[in-house]
PDB file of N, CA and C in Angstrom:
ATOM      1  N   MET A   1      93.832 132.804 113.077  1.00  0.00           N
ATOM      2  CA  MET A   1      91.806 133.505 112.470  1.00  0.00           C
ATOM      3  C   MET A   1      91.274 133.651 113.318  1.00  0.00           C
ATOM      4  N   PRO A   2      90.132 133.931 113.868  1.00  0.00           N
ATOM      5  CA  PRO A   2      88.947 133.942 113.871  1.00  0.00           C
ATOM      6  C   PRO A   2      88.284 132.101 113.781  1.00  0.00           C
ATOM      7  N   LYS A   3      88.110 132.687 112.561  1.00  0.00           N
ATOM      8  CA  LYS A   3      87.110 132.731 111.734  1.00  0.00           C
ATOM      9  C   LYS A   3      87.335 131.176 111.764  1.00  0.00           C
ATOM     10  N   LYS A   4      89.056 130.664 112.305  1.00  0.00           N
ATOM     11  CA  LYS A   4      89.216 128.642 112.242  1.00  0.00           C
ATOM     12  C   LYS A   4      88.047 128.163 113.326  1.00  0.00           C
ATOM     13  N   LEU A   5      88.126 129.302 114.270  1.00  0.00           N
ATOM     14  CA  LEU A   5      87.293 128.759 115.780  1.00  0.00           C
ATOM     15  C   LEU A   5      85.947 128.496 115.788  1.00  0.00           C
ATOM     16  N   PRO A   6      85.319 127.337 116.337  1.00  0.00           N
ATOM     17  CA  PRO A   6      84.486 125.978 116.240  1.00  0.00           C
ATOM     18  C   PRO A   6      83.281 127.646 116.516  1.00  0.00           C
ATOM     19  N   GLY A   7      81.431 127.317 115.799  1.00  0.00           N
ATOM     20  CA  GLY A   7      80.618 128.077 115.963  1.00  0.00           C
ATOM     21  C   GLY A   7      80.976 129.362 115.330  1.00  0.00           C
ATOM     22  N   PHE A   8      82.272 130.433 115.442  1.00  0.00           N
ATOM     23  CA  PHE A   8      82.454 131.293 114.917  1.00  0.00           C
ATOM     24  C   PHE A   8      82.086 132.334 113.644  1.00  0.00           C
ATOM     25  N   ASN A   9      81.737 133.403 114.080  1.00  0.00           N
ATOM     26  CA  ASN A   9      80.847 133.713 112.666  1.00  0.00           C
ATOM     27  C   ASN A   9      81.384 135.329 112.485  1.00  0.00           C
ATOM     28  N   LEU A  10      82.492 135.626 111.312  1.00  0.00           N
ATOM     29  CA  LEU A  10      82.351 137.106 110.761  1.00  0.00           C
ATOM     30  C   LEU A  10      80.970 137.851 110.303  1.00  0.00           C
ATOM     31  N   VAL A  11      80.563 138.599 111.694  1.00  0.00           N
ATOM     32  CA  VAL A  11      80.004 139.653 110.612  1.00  0.00           C
ATOM     33  C   VAL A  11      80.566 140.660 110.582  1.00  0.00           C
ATOM     34  N   PHE A  12      79.654 141.569 109.736  1.00  0.00           N
ATOM     35  CA  PHE A  12      80.712 142.603 108.507  1.00  0.00           C
ATOM     36  C   PHE A  12      79.072 143.920 107.973  1.00  0.00           C
ATOM     37  N   ILE A  13      79.446 144.615 109.467  1.00  0.00           N
ATOM     38  CA  ILE A  13      78.049 146.061 109.344  1.00  0.00           C
ATOM     39  C   ILE A  13      79.012 147.440 108.633  1.00  0.00           C
ATOM     40  N   GLU A  14      78.015 147.778 107.521  1.00  0.00           N
ATOM     41  CA  GLU A  14      78.488 148.637 106.540  1.00  0.00           C
ATOM     42  C   GLU A  14      77.845 149.770 106.426  1.00  0.00           C
ATOM     43  N   ALA A  15      77.970 150.885 106.018  1.00  0.00           N
ATOM     44  CA  ALA A  15      76.732 151.907 106.387  1.00  0.00           C
ATOM     45  C   ALA A  15      77.551 152.704 104.732  1.00  0.00           C
ATOM     46  N   ASP A  16      76.818 153.819 103.924  1.00  0.00           N
ATOM     47  CA  ASP A  16      77.319 154.490 103.316  1.00  0.00           C
ATOM     48  C   ASP A  16      78.162 155.768 103.814  1.00  0.00           C
ATOM     49  N   ILE A  17      79.182 156.066 103.333  1.00  0.00           N
ATOM     50  CA  ILE A  17      80.351 156.350 104.055  1.00  0.00           C
ATOM     51  C   ILE A  17      79.422 158.264 104.580  1.00  0.00           C
ATOM     52  N   GLU A  18      78.203 158.608 103.386  1.00  0.00           N
ATOM     53  CA  GLU A  18      78.413 160.161 103.291  1.00  0.00           C
ATOM     54  C   GLU A  18      77.132 159.944 105.091  1.00  0.00           C
ATOM     55  N   LYS A  19      76.235 158.454 105.420  1.00  0.00           N
ATOM     56  CA  LYS A  19      75.668 157.860 106.522  1.00  0.00           C
ATOM     57  C   LYS A  19      76.412 158.289 107.270  1.00  0.00           C
ATOM     58  N   ARG A  20      77.624 157.700 107.847  1.00  0.00           N
ATOM     59  CA  ARG A  20      78.370 157.134 108.402  1.00  0.00           C
ATOM     60  C   ARG A  20      79.222 159.097 109.155  1.00  0.00           C
ATOM     61  N   TYR A  21      78.894 159.480 107.700  1.00  0.00           N
ATOM     62  CA  TYR A  21      79.723 161.152 108.126  1.00  0.00           C
ATOM     63  C   TYR A  21      78.684 161.950 108.896  1.00  0.00           C
ATOM     64  N   GLN A  22      77.424 161.743 108.652  1.00  0.00           N
ATOM     65  CA  GLN A  22      76.526 162.722 108.983  1.00  0.00           C
ATOM     66  C   GLN A  22      76.053 161.968 111.161  1.00  0.00           C
ATOM     67  N   ARG A  23      76.285 160.952 111.117  1.00  0.00           N
ATOM     68  CA  ARG A  23      76.533 160.469 112.635  1.00  0.00           C
ATOM     69  C   ARG A  23      77.597 160.926 113.233  1.00  0.00           C
ATOM     70  N   ILE A  24      78.804 160.544 112.928  1.00  0.00           N
ATOM     71  CA  ILE A  24      79.639 160.650 113.708  1.00  0.00           C
ATOM     72  C   ILE A  24      79.688 162.802 113.711  1.00  0.00           C
ATOM     73  N   ILE A  25      79.273 163.502 112.805  1.00  0.00           N
ATOM     74  CA  ILE A  25      78.702 164.319 113.240  1.00  0.00           C
ATOM     75  C   ILE A  25      77.610 164.816 114.511  1.00  0.00           C
ATOM     76  N   SER A  26      77.109 164.179 114.139  1.00  0.00           N
ATOM     77  CA  SER A  26      75.519 164.157 114.929  1.00  0.00           C
ATOM     78  C   SER A  26      76.309 164.107 116.807  1.00  0.00           C
ATOM     79  N   ARG A  27      77.030 163.055 116.491  1.00  0.00           N
ATOM     80  CA  ARG A  27      76.865 162.703 118.081  1.00  0.00           C
ATOM     81  C   ARG A  27      77.834 162.952 119.174  1.00  0.00           C
ATOM     82  N   ARG A  28      78.624 164.152 118.263  1.00  0.00           N
ATOM     83  CA  ARG A  28      80.272 164.775 118.561  1.00  0.00           C
ATOM     84  C   ARG A  28      81.422 164.150 119.709  1.00  0.00           C
ATOM     85  N   GLU A  29      81.368 162.998 119.326  1.00  0.00           N
ATOM     86  CA  GLU A  29      82.124 162.335 120.313  1.00  0.00           C
ATOM     87  C   GLU A  29      83.613 162.687 120.469  1.00  0.00           C
ATOM     88  N   ASN A  30      83.834 163.188 119.587  1.00  0.00           N
ATOM     89  CA  ASN A  30      85.809 163.472 119.516  1.00  0.00           C
ATOM     90  C   ASN A  30      85.361 165.290 119.241  1.00  0.00           C
ATOM     91  N   VAL A  31      85.908 165.994 120.317  1.00  0.00           N
ATOM     92  CA  VAL A  31      86.362 167.410 119.775  1.00  0.00           C
ATOM     93  C   VAL A  31      86.007 168.046 118.374  1.00  0.00           C
ATOM     94  N   ASP A  32      86.916 167.081 117.575  1.00  0.00           N
ATOM     95  CA  ASP A  32      87.427 167.783 116.095  1.00  0.00           C
ATOM     96  C   ASP A  32      86.387 167.382 115.320  1.00  0.00           C
ATOM     97  N   ASP A  33      84.931 166.434 115.813  1.00  0.00           N
ATOM     98  CA  ASP A  33      84.230 165.825 115.387  1.00  0.00           C
ATOM     99  C   ASP A  33      83.067 167.135 114.274  1.00  0.00           C
ATOM    100  N   LYS A  34      82.631 167.927 114.889  1.00  0.00           N
ATOM    101  CA  LYS A  34      81.999 168.724 114.160  1.00  0.00           C
ATOM    102  C   LYS A  34      82.378 169.835 113.042  1.00  0.00           C
ATOM    103  N   ASN A  35      84.070 170.229 113.250  1.00  0.00           N
ATOM    104  CA  ASN A  35      84.224 170.839 112.312  1.00  0.00           C
ATOM    105  C   ASN A  35      84.873 170.102 111.692  1.00  0.00           C
ATOM    106  N   LYS A  36      84.514 168.649 111.498  1.00  0.00           N
ATOM    107  CA  LYS A  36      85.543 167.704 110.353  1.00  0.00           C
ATOM    108  C   LYS A  36      84.224 168.249 108.938  1.00  0.00           C
ATOM    109  N   SER A  37      84.985 167.812 107.946  1.00  0.00           N
ATOM    110  CA  SER A  37      84.578 168.086 106.386  1.00  0.00           C
ATOM    111  C   SER A  37      84.328 166.880 105.958  1.00  0.00           C
ATOM    112  N   LEU A  38      82.927 166.861 105.257  1.00  0.00           N
ATOM    113  CA  LEU A  38      83.415 165.328 104.511  1.00  0.00           C
ATOM    114  C   LEU A  38      84.545 165.220 103.517  1.00  0.00           C
ATOM    115  N   GLU A  39      84.819 165.780 103.330  1.00  0.00           N
ATOM    116  CA  GLU A  39      86.142 165.354 102.106  1.00  0.00           C
ATOM    117  C   GLU A  39      87.666 165.332 103.131  1.00  0.00           C
ATOM    118  N   GLU A  40      87.366 165.637 104.718  1.00  0.00           N
ATOM    119  CA  GLU A  40      87.949 165.074 105.969  1.00  0.00           C
ATOM    120  C   GLU A  40      88.484 163.802 105.951  1.00  0.00           C
ATOM    121  N   PHE A  41      86.624 163.698 106.025  1.00  0.00           N
ATOM    122  CA  PHE A  41      86.400 162.719 106.813  1.00  0.00           C
ATOM    123  C   PHE A  41      86.241 161.307 105.483  1.00  0.00           C
ATOM    124  N   LYS A  42      86.238 161.145 104.597  1.00  0.00           N
ATOM    125  CA  LYS A  42      87.054 160.526 103.344  1.00  0.00           C
ATOM    126  C   LYS A  42      87.881 160.287 103.304  1.00  0.00           C
ATOM    127  N   LYS A  43      89.180 161.466 103.687  1.00  0.00           N
ATOM    128  CA  LYS A  43      90.404 161.147 103.825  1.00  0.00           C
ATOM    129  C   LYS A  43      90.944 160.110 105.082  1.00  0.00           C
ATOM    130  N   ASP A  44      90.749 160.158 105.726  1.00  0.00           N
ATOM    131  CA  ASP A  44      90.141 159.243 106.937  1.00  0.00           C
ATOM    132  C   ASP A  44      90.150 158.305 106.569  1.00  0.00           C
ATOM    133  N   HIS A  45      89.802 158.609 106.353  1.00  0.00           N
ATOM    134  CA  HIS A  45      89.684 156.482 105.654  1.00  0.00           C
ATOM    135  C   HIS A  45      89.867 156.254 104.911  1.00  0.00           C
ATOM    136  N   GLU A  46      90.706 156.624 104.372  1.00  0.00           N
ATOM    137  CA  GLU A  46      92.175 156.359 103.395  1.00  0.00           C
ATOM    138  C   GLU A  46      93.437 155.712 103.834  1.00  0.00           C
ATOM    139  N   ARG A  47      93.467 155.332 105.186  1.00  0.00           N
ATOM    140  CA  ARG A  47      93.846 155.173 106.412  1.00  0.00           C
ATOM    141  C   ARG A  47      94.560 153.525 105.736  1.00  0.00           C
ATOM    142  N   GLU A  48      95.342 153.006 106.518  1.00  0.00           N
ATOM    143  CA  GLU A  48      95.708 151.814 106.281  1.00  0.00           C
ATOM    144  C   GLU A  48      94.783 150.972 106.971  1.00  0.00           C
ATOM    145  N   THR A  49      95.080 151.768 108.057  1.00  0.00           N
ATOM    146  CA  THR A  49      94.090 150.709 108.421  1.00  0.00           C
ATOM    147  C   THR A  49      92.221 150.501 108.585  1.00  0.00           C
ATOM    148  N   GLU A  50      92.190 152.220 108.149  1.00  0.00           N
ATOM    149  CA  GLU A  50      90.217 151.509 107.574  1.00  0.00           C
ATOM    150  C   GLU A  50      90.453 150.935 106.280  1.00  0.00           C
ATOM    151  N   LEU A  51      91.713 150.754 105.349  1.00  0.00           N
ATOM    152  CA  LEU A  51      91.433 149.599 104.134  1.00  0.00           C
ATOM    153  C   LEU A  51      91.879 148.560 104.840  1.00  0.00           C
ATOM    154  N   GLN A  52      91.828 148.270 105.892  1.00  0.00           N
ATOM    155  CA  GLN A  52      92.725 147.079 106.423  1.00  0.00           C
ATOM    156  C   GLN A  52      91.031 146.677 106.456  1.00  0.00           C
ATOM    157  N   ILE A  53      89.534 146.962 107.664  1.00  0.00           N
ATOM    158  CA  ILE A  53      88.360 146.492 107.735  1.00  0.00           C
ATOM    159  C   ILE A  53      87.515 146.591 106.479  1.00  0.00           C
ATOM    160  N   VAL A  54      88.138 146.849 105.574  1.00  0.00           N
ATOM    161  CA  VAL A  54      87.505 146.750 104.345  1.00  0.00           C
ATOM    162  C   VAL A  54      86.974 145.429 104.301  1.00  0.00           C
ATOM    163  N   ASP A  55      88.798 145.026 103.805  1.00  0.00           N
ATOM    164  CA  ASP A  55      88.924 143.822 103.630  1.00  0.00           C
ATOM    165  C   ASP A  55      88.625 142.835 104.420  1.00  0.00           C
ATOM    166  N   LEU A  56      87.976 142.536 105.330  1.00  0.00           N
ATOM    167  CA  LEU A  56      87.198 142.202 106.496  1.00  0.00           C
ATOM    168  C   LEU A  56      85.880 141.619 105.654  1.00  0.00           C
ATOM    169  N   LYS A  57      85.470 142.228 104.668  1.00  0.00           N
ATOM    170  CA  LYS A  57      83.905 142.544 104.255  1.00  0.00           C
ATOM    171  C   LYS A  57      83.897 141.193 103.006  1.00  0.00           C
ATOM    172  N   LYS A  58      85.238 140.997 102.699  1.00  0.00           N
ATOM    173  CA  LYS A  58      85.872 140.141 101.743  1.00  0.00           C
ATOM    174  C   LYS A  58      85.708 138.305 102.004  1.00  0.00           C
ATOM    175  N   VAL A  59      85.595 138.511 104.344  1.00  0.00           N
ATOM    176  CA  VAL A  59      85.823 137.452 104.849  1.00  0.00           C
ATOM    177  C   VAL A  59      84.825 136.397 105.135  1.00  0.00           C
ATOM    178  N   ALA A  60      83.799 137.545 105.556  1.00  0.00           N
ATOM    179  CA  ALA A  60      82.827 137.782 106.667  1.00  0.00           C
ATOM    180  C   ALA A  60      81.975 136.347 106.009  1.00  0.00           C
ATOM    181  N   ASP A  61      81.335 136.194 107.275  1.00  0.00           N
ATOM    182  CA  ASP A  61      79.913 135.409 107.031  1.00  0.00           C
ATOM    183  C   ASP A  61      78.491 135.648 106.381  1.00  0.00           C
ATOM    184  N   VAL A  62      78.366 137.328 107.034  1.00  0.00           N
ATOM    185  CA  VAL A  62      77.515 137.675 107.045  1.00  0.00           C
ATOM    186  C   VAL A  62      77.962 139.965 107.296  1.00  0.00           C
ATOM    187  N   ILE A  63      76.943 139.829 106.257  1.00  0.00           N
ATOM    188  CA  ILE A  63      77.666 141.742 105.734  1.00  0.00           C
ATOM    189  C   ILE A  63      76.174 141.752 106.160  1.00  0.00           C
ATOM    190  N   ILE A  64      75.263 143.503 107.229  1.00  0.00           N
ATOM    191  CA  ILE A  64      74.353 143.997 107.185  1.00  0.00           C
ATOM    192  C   ILE A  64      74.490 145.489 106.787  1.00  0.00           C
ATOM    193  N   GLY A  65      73.956 145.578 106.203  1.00  0.00           N
ATOM    194  CA  GLY A  65      73.178 147.004 105.503  1.00  0.00           C
ATOM    195  C   GLY A  65      72.944 148.469 107.108  1.00  0.00           C
ATOM    196  N   ASN A  66      73.697 149.284 107.231  1.00  0.00           N
ATOM    197  CA  ASN A  66      72.597 150.049 108.336  1.00  0.00           C
ATOM    198  C   ASN A  66      72.480 151.343 107.875  1.00  0.00           C
ATOM    199  N   ASN A  67      72.118 151.666 106.568  1.00  0.00           N
ATOM    200  CA  ASN A  67      72.117 152.737 106.638  1.00  0.00           C
ATOM    201  C   ASN A  67      71.115 152.996 106.704  1.00  0.00           C
ATOM    202  N   GLY A  68      69.881 152.333 107.598  1.00  0.00           N
ATOM    203  CA  GLY A  68      68.471 152.657 108.127  1.00  0.00           C
ATOM    204  C   GLY A  68      67.890 152.828 110.158  1.00  0.00           C
ATOM    205  N   SER A  69      68.062 153.104 110.638  1.00  0.00           N
ATOM    206  CA  SER A  69      67.350 153.306 111.844  1.00  0.00           C
ATOM    207  C   SER A  69      68.373 152.343 112.233  1.00  0.00           C
ATOM    208  N   PRO A  70      68.410 152.688 114.095  1.00  0.00           N
ATOM    209  CA  PRO A  70      68.933 151.877 114.559  1.00  0.00           C
ATOM    210  C   PRO A  70      67.874 150.663 115.187  1.00  0.00           C
ATOM    211  N   GLU A  71      66.364 150.541 114.595  1.00  0.00           N
ATOM    212  CA  GLU A  71      65.241 149.708 114.762  1.00  0.00           C
ATOM    213  C   GLU A  71      65.660 149.063 113.539  1.00  0.00           C
ATOM    214  N   ASP A  72      66.184 149.268 112.395  1.00  0.00           N
ATOM    215  CA  ASP A  72      66.451 148.525 111.336  1.00  0.00           C
ATOM    216  C   ASP A  72      67.670 147.606 111.673  1.00  0.00           C
ATOM    217  N   LEU A  73      69.052 148.150 112.434  1.00  0.00           N
ATOM    218  CA  LEU A  73      69.573 147.661 112.189  1.00  0.00           C
ATOM    219  C   LEU A  73      69.640 145.837 112.761  1.00  0.00           C
ATOM    220  N   TYR A  74      68.651 146.628 114.464  1.00  0.00           N
ATOM    221  CA  TYR A  74      68.438 145.487 115.543  1.00  0.00           C
ATOM    222  C   TYR A  74      67.664 144.065 115.297  1.00  0.00           C
ATOM    223  N   LYS A  75      66.818 144.737 113.945  1.00  0.00           N
ATOM    224  CA  LYS A  75      66.353 143.383 113.310  1.00  0.00           C
ATOM    225  C   LYS A  75      66.987 143.052 112.645  1.00  0.00           C
ATOM    226  N   GLN A  76      67.923 143.377 111.748  1.00  0.00           N
ATOM    227  CA  GLN A  76      68.536 142.014 111.450  1.00  0.00           C
ATOM    228  C   GLN A  76      69.602 141.700 111.892  1.00  0.00           C
ATOM    229  N   ILE A  77      69.676 142.005 113.068  1.00  0.00           N
ATOM    230  CA  ILE A  77      70.972 141.600 114.140  1.00  0.00           C
ATOM    231  C   ILE A  77      69.865 140.406 114.155  1.00  0.00           C
ATOM    232  N   ASP A  78      68.767 140.379 115.045  1.00  0.00           N
ATOM    233  CA  ASP A  78      68.015 140.004 115.380  1.00  0.00           C
ATOM    234  C   ASP A  78      67.969 138.341 114.768  1.00  0.00           C
ATOM    235  N   GLU A  79      67.429 139.065 113.251  1.00  0.00           N
ATOM    236  CA  GLU A  79      67.376 137.938 111.989  1.00  0.00           C
ATOM    237  C   GLU A  79      68.670 136.632 112.421  1.00  0.00           C
ATOM    238  N   ILE A  80      70.287 137.534 111.958  1.00  0.00           N
ATOM    239  CA  ILE A  80      70.962 136.935 111.771  1.00  0.00           C
ATOM    240  C   ILE A  80      71.478 135.919 113.415  1.00  0.00           C
ATOM    241  N   ILE A  81      71.169 135.771 114.153  1.00  0.00           N
ATOM    242  CA  ILE A  81      71.260 135.568 115.417  1.00  0.00           C
ATOM    243  C   ILE A  81      70.306 134.250 115.231  1.00  0.00           C
ATOM    244  N   LYS A  82      69.168 134.987 115.168  1.00  0.00           N
ATOM    245  CA  LYS A  82      68.087 133.572 114.227  1.00  0.00           C
ATOM    246  C   LYS A  82      68.613 132.247 114.045  1.00  0.00           C
ATOM    247  N   LYS A  83      69.053 132.638 113.142  1.00  0.00           N
ATOM    248  CA  LYS A  83      69.865 131.717 111.980  1.00  0.00           C
ATOM    249  C   LYS A  83      70.754 131.519 111.881  1.00  0.00           C
ATOM    250  N   LEU A  84      71.466 131.716 113.013  1.00  0.00           N
ATOM    251  CA  LEU A  84      73.193 131.431 113.366  1.00  0.00           C
ATOM    252  C   LEU A  84      73.007 130.370 114.638  1.00  0.00           C
ATOM    253  N   SER A  85      72.146 130.929 115.259  1.00  0.00           N
ATOM    254  CA  SER A  85      71.259 129.737 117.044  1.00  0.00           C
ATOM    255  C   SER A  85      71.477 127.963 116.299  1.00  0.00           C
TER     256      SER A  85
END
């Protein structure tokens, strides 16, 4: 596991599912994104691989909330880098 590497810090970035849904709809990176309902999006996140990602939060050294603007996220990341350096 990477956490055993010297100097390694696991950072978990999370956002509310509704916020993530709005972002994916607005980005339209995948052809079917614009047609996906919130319920379909939630169902996608019940898959085993998605549930395993959430388990990483339990072992993360730092958890960042990403419900705000990109600038808010960058500010949080900058603060963490300063603390960990």
